[in-house]
Every structure is written in structure tokens, then in C-alpha cells.
Amino acid sequence: MKYGNRVDANQEAIVKSLRKACLSVAIIAPCGNGIPDLIVGWRGHNYLIEIKVGNAKLTPCEKTWHSEWKGSVAICKDAYDVFEHISEQEKKCSP
């Protein structure tokens, strides 16, 4: 079930900020089916990022995908949220 490929208004600015900070960013939002909007690569790790604006909620399809995914995925509203998520994940991996 593919829902409309609406791009969040803040996605372009987030992608630009992440790339400016030398992170790899692949936009996968067009995949639909609840799959997150971005794959972000940093220091040999990949992070799935769902972009949301303001108080926007996950769609039913996104909720299902997130609940069934065995890995991690973060819901972020700006580049700062993405950096915070990556920092938290790196702390979990540090000895």
C-alpha cells in the first residue's frame, strides 16, 4: 500500500544541513509504504530517519512499518534532532 509521496516542508533544509556537515544522505521517501524518509550515513553506520513537521503524526502505514521494523528509526523535525539521535546511538555503541 503506497501512500502519497508528500515531501515534508523541512526535508530539504535538513538534507542540506546534514550534507554540509559531511554526512551521507539518501532520500528514500519515494519508496512509500511507511518506509522512513532518509538513510543517513556517518562513521560507518546507517540511521533511518522519519521527517515530520510540527505536531504531525505518523500515518497508519508508517506506524505499522515502525512497529514491525527490527532496527532503530528516529522521528526528527530538524537537523539538530538527527544529530542528537546519531550522538545517542554512538554512545550506546561506545565501550
C-alpha atoms as a PDB file:
ATOM      1  CA  MET A   1       0.000   0.000   0.000  1.00  0.00           C
ATOM      2  CA  LYS A   2       1.744   3.127  -1.191  1.00  0.00           C
ATOM      3  CA  TYR A   3       0.645   6.428   0.335  1.00  0.00           C
ATOM      4  CA  GLY A   4       1.180   9.793  -1.342  1.00  0.00           C
ATOM      5  CA  ASN A   5       4.802  10.745  -1.690  1.00  0.00           C
ATOM      6  CA  ARG A   6       4.363  14.082   0.058  1.00  0.00           C
ATOM      7  CA  VAL A   7       7.706  15.588   0.984  1.00  0.00           C
ATOM      8  CA  ASP A   8       7.798  17.318   4.362  1.00  0.00           C
ATOM      9  CA  ALA A   9       8.473  21.057   4.079  1.00  0.00           C
ATOM     10  CA  ASN A  10      11.572  20.808   6.276  1.00  0.00           C
ATOM     11  CA  GLN A  11      13.184  17.871   4.469  1.00  0.00           C
ATOM     12  CA  GLU A  12      15.233  19.934   2.011  1.00  0.00           C
ATOM     13  CA  ALA A  13      16.762  22.087   4.779  1.00  0.00           C
ATOM     14  CA  ILE A  14      17.535  19.010   6.885  1.00  0.00           C
ATOM     15  CA  VAL A  15      19.207  17.203   3.986  1.00  0.00           C
ATOM     16  CA  LYS A  16      21.225  20.317   3.122  1.00  0.00           C
ATOM     17  CA  SER A  17      22.437  20.717   6.735  1.00  0.00           C
ATOM     18  CA  LEU A  18      23.408  17.066   7.054  1.00  0.00           C
ATOM     19  CA  ARG A  19      25.318  17.058   3.779  1.00  0.00           C
ATOM     20  CA  LYS A  20      27.050  20.303   4.726  1.00  0.00           C
ATOM     21  CA  ALA A  21      28.253  18.504   7.880  1.00  0.00           C
ATOM     22  CA  CYS A  22      29.683  15.720   5.634  1.00  0.00           C
ATOM     23  CA  LEU A  23      27.078  13.057   6.412  1.00  0.00           C
ATOM     24  CA  SER A  24      25.819  10.848   3.582  1.00  0.00           C
ATOM     25  CA  VAL A  25      22.110  11.226   2.907  1.00  0.00           C
ATOM     26  CA  ALA A  26      19.879   9.106   0.676  1.00  0.00           C
ATOM     27  CA  ILE A  27      16.303  10.261   0.224  1.00  0.00           C
ATOM     28  CA  ILE A  28      14.093   7.175   0.269  1.00  0.00           C
ATOM     29  CA  ALA A  29      10.735   8.879   0.885  1.00  0.00           C
ATOM     30  CA  PRO A  30       9.511   7.966  -2.619  1.00  0.00           C
ATOM     31  CA  CYS A  31       9.520   4.284  -1.609  1.00  0.00           C
ATOM     32  CA  GLY A  32       6.282   4.886   0.314  1.00  0.00           C
ATOM     33  CA  ASN A  33       4.685   2.014   2.260  1.00  0.00           C
ATOM     34  CA  GLY A  34       5.634   3.592   5.600  1.00  0.00           C
ATOM     35  CA  ILE A  35       9.371   3.437   4.922  1.00  0.00           C
ATOM     36  CA  PRO A  36      11.252   6.358   6.563  1.00  0.00           C
ATOM     37  CA  ASP A  37      12.270   9.412   4.553  1.00  0.00           C
ATOM     38  CA  LEU A  38      16.060   9.259   4.826  1.00  0.00           C
ATOM     39  CA  ILE A  39      19.012   6.956   5.293  1.00  0.00           C
ATOM     40  CA  VAL A  40      21.858   8.902   6.883  1.00  0.00           C
ATOM     41  CA  GLY A  41      25.388   7.521   6.938  1.00  0.00           C
ATOM     42  CA  TRP A  42      28.037   8.570   9.453  1.00  0.00           C
ATOM     43  CA  ARG A  43      31.246   6.862  10.586  1.00  0.00           C
ATOM     44  CA  GLY A  44      30.327   3.509   9.067  1.00  0.00           C
ATOM     45  CA  HIS A  45      26.791   3.401  10.495  1.00  0.00           C
ATOM     46  CA  ASN A  46      23.402   3.955   8.881  1.00  0.00           C
ATOM     47  CA  TYR A  47      20.466   5.693  10.502  1.00  0.00           C
ATOM     48  CA  LEU A  48      16.849   5.616   9.357  1.00  0.00           C
ATOM     49  CA  ILE A  49      15.147   8.976   9.784  1.00  0.00           C
ATOM     50  CA  GLU A  50      11.456   9.811   9.541  1.00  0.00           C
ATOM     51  CA  ILE A  51      10.959  13.539   8.958  1.00  0.00           C
ATOM     52  CA  LYS A  52       7.940  15.260  10.488  1.00  0.00           C
ATOM     53  CA  VAL A  53       6.860  18.901  10.609  1.00  0.00           C
ATOM     54  CA  GLY A  54       5.467  20.471  13.766  1.00  0.00           C
ATOM     55  CA  ASN A  55       2.972  18.190  15.506  1.00  0.00           C
ATOM     56  CA  ALA A  56       2.464  15.888  12.527  1.00  0.00           C
ATOM     57  CA  LYS A  57       1.828  12.273  13.482  1.00  0.00           C
ATOM     58  CA  LEU A  58       2.867   9.052  11.792  1.00  0.00           C
ATOM     59  CA  THR A  59       0.442   7.827   9.162  1.00  0.00           C
ATOM     60  CA  PRO A  60      -1.182   4.426   9.790  1.00  0.00           C
ATOM     61  CA  CYS A  61       1.191   2.896   7.247  1.00  0.00           C
ATOM     62  CA  GLU A  62       4.220   4.479   8.975  1.00  0.00           C
ATOM     63  CA  LYS A  63       3.017   3.245  12.375  1.00  0.00           C
ATOM     64  CA  THR A  64       2.802  -0.291  11.059  1.00  0.00           C
ATOM     65  CA  TRP A  65       6.228  -0.117   9.427  1.00  0.00           C
ATOM     66  CA  HIS A  66       7.870   1.331  12.560  1.00  0.00           C
ATOM     67  CA  SER A  67       6.283  -1.302  14.814  1.00  0.00           C
ATOM     68  CA  GLU A  68       7.439  -4.159  12.589  1.00  0.00           C
ATOM     69  CA  TRP A  69      10.988  -2.889  11.938  1.00  0.00           C
ATOM     70  CA  LYS A  70      13.599  -4.786  13.970  1.00  0.00           C
ATOM     71  CA  GLY A  71      16.155  -1.960  13.853  1.00  0.00           C
ATOM     72  CA  SER A  72      16.037   1.625  15.006  1.00  0.00           C
ATOM     73  CA  VAL A  73      14.348   4.555  13.335  1.00  0.00           C
ATOM     74  CA  ALA A  74      14.160   8.122  14.620  1.00  0.00           C
ATOM     75  CA  ILE A  75      11.440  10.703  14.119  1.00  0.00           C
ATOM     76  CA  CYS A  76      13.082  14.088  13.599  1.00  0.00           C
ATOM     77  CA  LYS A  77      11.833  17.613  12.974  1.00  0.00           C
ATOM     78  CA  ASP A  78      15.155  19.271  12.165  1.00  0.00           C
ATOM     79  CA  ALA A  79      18.852  18.581  11.618  1.00  0.00           C
ATOM     80  CA  TYR A  80      19.526  19.062  15.340  1.00  0.00           C
ATOM     81  CA  ASP A  81      17.210  16.114  16.103  1.00  0.00           C
ATOM     82  CA  VAL A  82      19.138  13.976  13.610  1.00  0.00           C
ATOM     83  CA  PHE A  83      22.488  14.897  15.178  1.00  0.00           C
ATOM     84  CA  GLU A  84      21.065  14.160  18.642  1.00  0.00           C
ATOM     85  CA  HIS A  85      19.851  10.739  17.515  1.00  0.00           C
ATOM     86  CA  ILE A  86      23.215   9.861  15.980  1.00  0.00           C
ATOM     87  CA  SER A  87      25.038  11.045  19.107  1.00  0.00           C
ATOM     88  CA  GLU A  88      22.785   8.901  21.340  1.00  0.00           C
ATOM     89  CA  GLN A  89      23.291   5.861  19.117  1.00  0.00           C
ATOM     90  CA  GLU A  90      27.088   6.350  19.133  1.00  0.00           C
ATOM     91  CA  LYS A  91      27.065   6.494  22.957  1.00  0.00           C
ATOM     92  CA  LYS A  92      25.249   3.148  23.055  1.00  0.00           C
ATOM     93  CA  CYS A  93      27.955   1.596  20.872  1.00  0.00           C
ATOM     94  CA  SER A  94      30.900   3.024  22.810  1.00  0.00           C
ATOM     95  CA  PRO A  95      32.665   0.705  25.281  1.00  0.00           C
END
